[in-house]
Amino acid sequence: MSIQNFTYFNGNTIPFDIVITDSDNNPQDITGWTIFFTLKTDINDPDTSAIIAKTATITDPTAGEANLVIANTETSGLVGAYYYDMQTKDDNGYITTIMDGTIEFVQRVTLRTT
């Protein structure tokens, strides 16, 4: 598991390029896997109360590659610190947290998008 804390401007798009590796740091075949991302105000909130809950797109399963994009419209009203994690569910149904921490959103200066 990797604890990573981030700071982003609200209203910005956040791309996550994900590479899953095995214990020898070789790409893990993630065929049949699911990768979840959840962002919450309170770490104890139920998933149904998540601010953002998304599933990554597996882009190259044999190379362990996936992509997740949080759209600017999803972050536009966020200000302050939020808890997040990213979990995998493998083809055997095992759940593993691969990343967690906080994301702090700060107010951006430019609000226009055109």
C-alpha atoms as a PDB file:
ATOM      1  CA  MET A   1       0.000   0.000   0.000  1.00  0.00           C
ATOM      2  CA  SER A   2       1.148   3.481  -0.745  1.00  0.00           C
ATOM      3  CA  ILE A   3       0.115   6.501   1.314  1.00  0.00           C
ATOM      4  CA  GLN A   4       0.094   9.567  -0.905  1.00  0.00           C
ATOM      5  CA  ASN A   5      -1.305  12.977  -0.129  1.00  0.00           C
ATOM      6  CA  PHE A   6      -2.120  15.407  -2.935  1.00  0.00           C
ATOM      7  CA  THR A   7      -3.126  19.044  -3.358  1.00  0.00           C
ATOM      8  CA  TYR A   8      -5.097  20.116  -6.434  1.00  0.00           C
ATOM      9  CA  PHE A   9      -6.973  23.205  -7.524  1.00  0.00           C
ATOM     10  CA  ASN A  10     -10.709  22.645  -7.530  1.00  0.00           C
ATOM     11  CA  GLY A  11     -12.241  22.626 -10.991  1.00  0.00           C
ATOM     12  CA  ASN A  12      -9.194  20.886 -12.451  1.00  0.00           C
ATOM     13  CA  THR A  13      -9.188  17.488 -14.139  1.00  0.00           C
ATOM     14  CA  ILE A  14      -7.189  14.850 -12.261  1.00  0.00           C
ATOM     15  CA  PRO A  15      -5.824  11.941 -14.313  1.00  0.00           C
ATOM     16  CA  PHE A  16      -4.434   8.850 -12.601  1.00  0.00           C
ATOM     17  CA  ASP A  17      -2.294   6.546 -14.753  1.00  0.00           C
ATOM     18  CA  ILE A  18      -2.156   3.313 -12.786  1.00  0.00           C
ATOM     19  CA  VAL A  19       0.373   0.498 -13.147  1.00  0.00           C
ATOM     20  CA  ILE A  20      -0.082  -2.562 -10.940  1.00  0.00           C
ATOM     21  CA  THR A  21       3.111  -4.528 -10.273  1.00  0.00           C
ATOM     22  CA  ASP A  22       3.917  -7.733  -8.415  1.00  0.00           C
ATOM     23  CA  SER A  23       6.341  -8.085  -5.494  1.00  0.00           C
ATOM     24  CA  ASP A  24       9.301  -8.124  -7.936  1.00  0.00           C
ATOM     25  CA  ASN A  25       8.071  -4.855  -9.502  1.00  0.00           C
ATOM     26  CA  ASN A  26       7.051  -6.620 -12.722  1.00  0.00           C
ATOM     27  CA  PRO A  27       3.749  -5.719 -14.388  1.00  0.00           C
ATOM     28  CA  GLN A  28       0.867  -7.719 -12.896  1.00  0.00           C
ATOM     29  CA  ASP A  29      -1.674  -9.218 -15.282  1.00  0.00           C
ATOM     30  CA  ILE A  30      -4.919  -7.562 -14.182  1.00  0.00           C
ATOM     31  CA  THR A  31      -7.239  -9.292 -16.618  1.00  0.00           C
ATOM     32  CA  GLY A  32     -10.652  -9.560 -14.959  1.00  0.00           C
ATOM     33  CA  TRP A  33      -9.753  -7.094 -12.198  1.00  0.00           C
ATOM     34  CA  THR A  34     -11.644  -4.009 -11.045  1.00  0.00           C
ATOM     35  CA  ILE A  35     -10.008  -0.882  -9.634  1.00  0.00           C
ATOM     36  CA  PHE A  36     -12.124   1.391  -7.422  1.00  0.00           C
ATOM     37  CA  PHE A  37     -11.513   5.016  -6.389  1.00  0.00           C
ATOM     38  CA  THR A  38     -13.489   6.582  -3.527  1.00  0.00           C
ATOM     39  CA  LEU A  39     -13.319  10.137  -2.139  1.00  0.00           C
ATOM     40  CA  LYS A  40     -15.081  11.001   1.136  1.00  0.00           C
ATOM     41  CA  THR A  41     -15.462  13.914   3.510  1.00  0.00           C
ATOM     42  CA  ASP A  42     -15.164  11.618   6.531  1.00  0.00           C
ATOM     43  CA  ILE A  43     -13.209   8.371   6.392  1.00  0.00           C
ATOM     44  CA  ASN A  44     -16.039   6.610   8.281  1.00  0.00           C
ATOM     45  CA  ASP A  45     -18.800   7.683   5.879  1.00  0.00           C
ATOM     46  CA  PRO A  46     -20.503   4.825   4.029  1.00  0.00           C
ATOM     47  CA  ASP A  47     -19.582   4.452   0.368  1.00  0.00           C
ATOM     48  CA  THR A  48     -23.081   5.626  -0.526  1.00  0.00           C
ATOM     49  CA  SER A  49     -22.116   9.049   0.895  1.00  0.00           C
ATOM     50  CA  ALA A  50     -18.892   9.302  -1.136  1.00  0.00           C
ATOM     51  CA  ILE A  51     -18.192  12.624  -2.846  1.00  0.00           C
ATOM     52  CA  ILE A  52     -16.695  10.716  -5.803  1.00  0.00           C
ATOM     53  CA  ALA A  53     -16.849   6.964  -6.466  1.00  0.00           C
ATOM     54  CA  LYS A  54     -15.410   5.740  -9.758  1.00  0.00           C
ATOM     55  CA  THR A  55     -14.109   2.622 -11.435  1.00  0.00           C
ATOM     56  CA  ALA A  56     -10.889   2.784 -13.440  1.00  0.00           C
ATOM     57  CA  THR A  57     -10.666   1.727 -17.069  1.00  0.00           C
ATOM     58  CA  ILE A  58      -8.282  -1.186 -17.635  1.00  0.00           C
ATOM     59  CA  THR A  59      -6.230  -0.049 -20.650  1.00  0.00           C
ATOM     60  CA  ASP A  60      -3.641  -2.855 -21.005  1.00  0.00           C
ATOM     61  CA  PRO A  61      -4.430  -5.729 -18.633  1.00  0.00           C
ATOM     62  CA  THR A  62      -1.331  -7.835 -19.340  1.00  0.00           C
ATOM     63  CA  ALA A  63       0.899  -4.812 -18.623  1.00  0.00           C
ATOM     64  CA  GLY A  64      -1.060  -4.001 -15.438  1.00  0.00           C
ATOM     65  CA  GLU A  65      -2.178  -0.642 -16.806  1.00  0.00           C
ATOM     66  CA  ALA A  66      -5.349   1.268 -16.028  1.00  0.00           C
ATOM     67  CA  ASN A  67      -6.562   4.849 -16.177  1.00  0.00           C
ATOM     68  CA  LEU A  68      -8.907   6.875 -14.019  1.00  0.00           C
ATOM     69  CA  VAL A  69      -9.929  10.455 -14.730  1.00  0.00           C
ATOM     70  CA  ILE A  70     -11.718  12.693 -12.277  1.00  0.00           C
ATOM     71  CA  ALA A  71     -13.400  15.377 -14.378  1.00  0.00           C
ATOM     72  CA  ASN A  72     -13.151  19.090 -13.656  1.00  0.00           C
ATOM     73  CA  THR A  73     -16.927  19.136 -13.109  1.00  0.00           C
ATOM     74  CA  GLU A  74     -16.487  16.611 -10.272  1.00  0.00           C
ATOM     75  CA  THR A  75     -13.893  18.746  -8.458  1.00  0.00           C
ATOM     76  CA  SER A  76     -15.343  22.207  -9.128  1.00  0.00           C
ATOM     77  CA  GLY A  77     -17.137  22.661  -5.799  1.00  0.00           C
ATOM     78  CA  LEU A  78     -14.576  20.955  -3.587  1.00  0.00           C
ATOM     79  CA  VAL A  79     -12.538  22.960  -1.074  1.00  0.00           C
ATOM     80  CA  GLY A  80     -10.626  21.484   1.847  1.00  0.00           C
ATOM     81  CA  ALA A  81      -9.221  18.068   2.673  1.00  0.00           C
ATOM     82  CA  TYR A  82     -10.912  14.797   1.711  1.00  0.00           C
ATOM     83  CA  TYR A  83     -10.001  11.161   2.291  1.00  0.00           C
ATOM     84  CA  TYR A  84      -9.501   8.810  -0.644  1.00  0.00           C
ATOM     85  CA  ASP A  85      -8.358   5.331  -1.432  1.00  0.00           C
ATOM     86  CA  MET A  86      -7.879   3.148  -4.465  1.00  0.00           C
ATOM     87  CA  GLN A  87      -8.563  -0.572  -4.225  1.00  0.00           C
ATOM     88  CA  THR A  88      -8.247  -3.528  -6.541  1.00  0.00           C
ATOM     89  CA  LYS A  89     -10.530  -6.524  -6.713  1.00  0.00           C
ATOM     90  CA  ASP A  90      -8.679  -9.339  -8.452  1.00  0.00           C
ATOM     91  CA  ASP A  91     -10.132 -12.214 -10.450  1.00  0.00           C
ATOM     92  CA  ASN A  92     -10.331 -14.298  -7.233  1.00  0.00           C
ATOM     93  CA  GLY A  93     -12.393 -11.592  -5.514  1.00  0.00           C
ATOM     94  CA  TYR A  94      -9.567 -10.458  -3.213  1.00  0.00           C
ATOM     95  CA  ILE A  95      -9.694  -6.774  -2.264  1.00  0.00           C
ATOM     96  CA  THR A  96      -6.404  -4.893  -1.815  1.00  0.00           C
ATOM     97  CA  THR A  97      -5.907  -1.215  -1.005  1.00  0.00           C
ATOM     98  CA  ILE A  98      -3.117   0.004  -3.266  1.00  0.00           C
ATOM     99  CA  MET A  99      -3.167   3.707  -2.411  1.00  0.00           C
ATOM    100  CA  ASP A 100      -4.742   5.981   0.160  1.00  0.00           C
ATOM    101  CA  GLY A 101      -4.329   9.342   1.802  1.00  0.00           C
ATOM    102  CA  THR A 102      -5.846  12.784   1.532  1.00  0.00           C
ATOM    103  CA  ILE A 103      -6.560  15.121  -1.319  1.00  0.00           C
ATOM    104  CA  GLU A 104      -6.749  18.789  -0.481  1.00  0.00           C
ATOM    105  CA  PHE A 105      -8.582  21.019  -2.912  1.00  0.00           C
ATOM    106  CA  VAL A 106      -7.738  24.720  -2.946  1.00  0.00           C
ATOM    107  CA  GLN A 107      -9.713  27.475  -4.640  1.00  0.00           C
ATOM    108  CA  ARG A 108      -8.450  28.341  -8.099  1.00  0.00           C
ATOM    109  CA  VAL A 109      -8.285  31.944  -9.348  1.00  0.00           C
ATOM    110  CA  THR A 110      -9.687  31.473 -12.852  1.00  0.00           C
ATOM    111  CA  LEU A 111     -13.237  30.134 -12.768  1.00  0.00           C
ATOM    112  CA  ARG A 112     -14.081  30.324 -16.475  1.00  0.00           C
ATOM    113  CA  THR A 113     -13.688  27.336 -18.743  1.00  0.00           C
ATOM    114  CA  THR A 114     -13.960  29.103 -22.108  1.00  0.00           C
END
